[in-house]
Amino acid sequence: MQRKLEIPDKNKPYVMAHRGNRAACPENTLTAFQRAFQDGADILETDLHLSKDGKFICIHDATLDRTTDGSGNIADLTSTQIKSVSAFNHMAGFEAERIPFLEETAAVLPKDVALALELKSDRFLEEKVCQQLLAELKNAGVLERTIVLSFSMQRILSVRKVEADMPIGLITMSKISPPKEVDMVGPFFPILWLNPHYIQTAHRRGILVCPLDPTPEPRLKHYLRKGSDAIITDNSAVTCQAVKQLLQENNEK
C-alpha cells in the first residue's frame, strides 16, 4: 500500500515552512529551521544539492553567490569549502550561520515535524544518488515522515523507483489539472482560480494539495474553504497564527 504523508496528532491544513522561517532568519539555515519549529510548523521544506564530494547540501540555488559571502557552483565545491562560507544572506547578526548538510537538518527535526525535500539537481536522476539519499534518511530515522518534491517529475520518479512507497510531490507552474502519479501537488496558486475544481479533483485521486504561495495570508480563507491539505509560507510565525485563528473562527460558527 502506498505510504502517504500523514502527521499523527496534527490536523490539516499542515503549515509548511518554506526554507524555514526565512522572513526572520537567513533561509535554509539551522536557525531558520529551528525558528519554524518554535513557530509551530508541521512540515519543514528545504532544498537539496550535492557537493563535489557527494554530501547533500540544504541550499536553494546551484551557487553560493546569492545567500552567502562566497561564490561558486555547489557541484564544484567540496563540503569543507561550502562550510567555510557564511550563510547570512545579508542579514546582520547571522554571520556565524553555515549552510547545513542534510544530516544536520535531520538531526534537529522534531519527532512531530515532517520533512519535505525539494530535489534541485539532476544528480537525483542517478540511482546511486537516490539510494544514498534514502539510506541517509533511514539512518537518521526520518524516512517515514519525508516527502521528496520537485518541478521535475523525472527526479521524484527516480526516487520512487528505488523506494516504491516513497511519497512524492510535483510542483507546477502550469499544469491546470493534478497529475495522477504523485501523492502531493504544489500548483502555482492562480491555477486554483483557473480550475476551481482542482483541489476536489486531486482529493478524488488521493492527492494532497499545497498551493505554491509562500505569502498566503491574503488567500488563506480561500485555501481553507477549498480544503487545502498544506499551506506553504515564508513566515511560519504569521501563518501558523493566522491558520489557528481561522480554524477557531470556523469552529465557533
Foldseek 3Di string as FASTA:
>chain_A
DAAAQDFPPDAPQFAEAEQAQCVVFQGQFPVSNVVLVVLPGQEYEFEWDAACVGFTWTDDDQWPPQQWPDTDGRNDHDPVVQQVIARRRPPPPRRNIGTDTPLVVLQPDDPRHAYEYEYDDCVLLDLVSLVVVLVSCVVSVRQSNYEYEYCDPSSRVSNCVVVVNHAYEHEDADDLADDLPHQEYAYAVVSCVVPVCRCVRCVVSNHAYEYPDQPCVVPVVVCVVSPHNYYYHSHSNVVVVSVVVVVVVVVVD
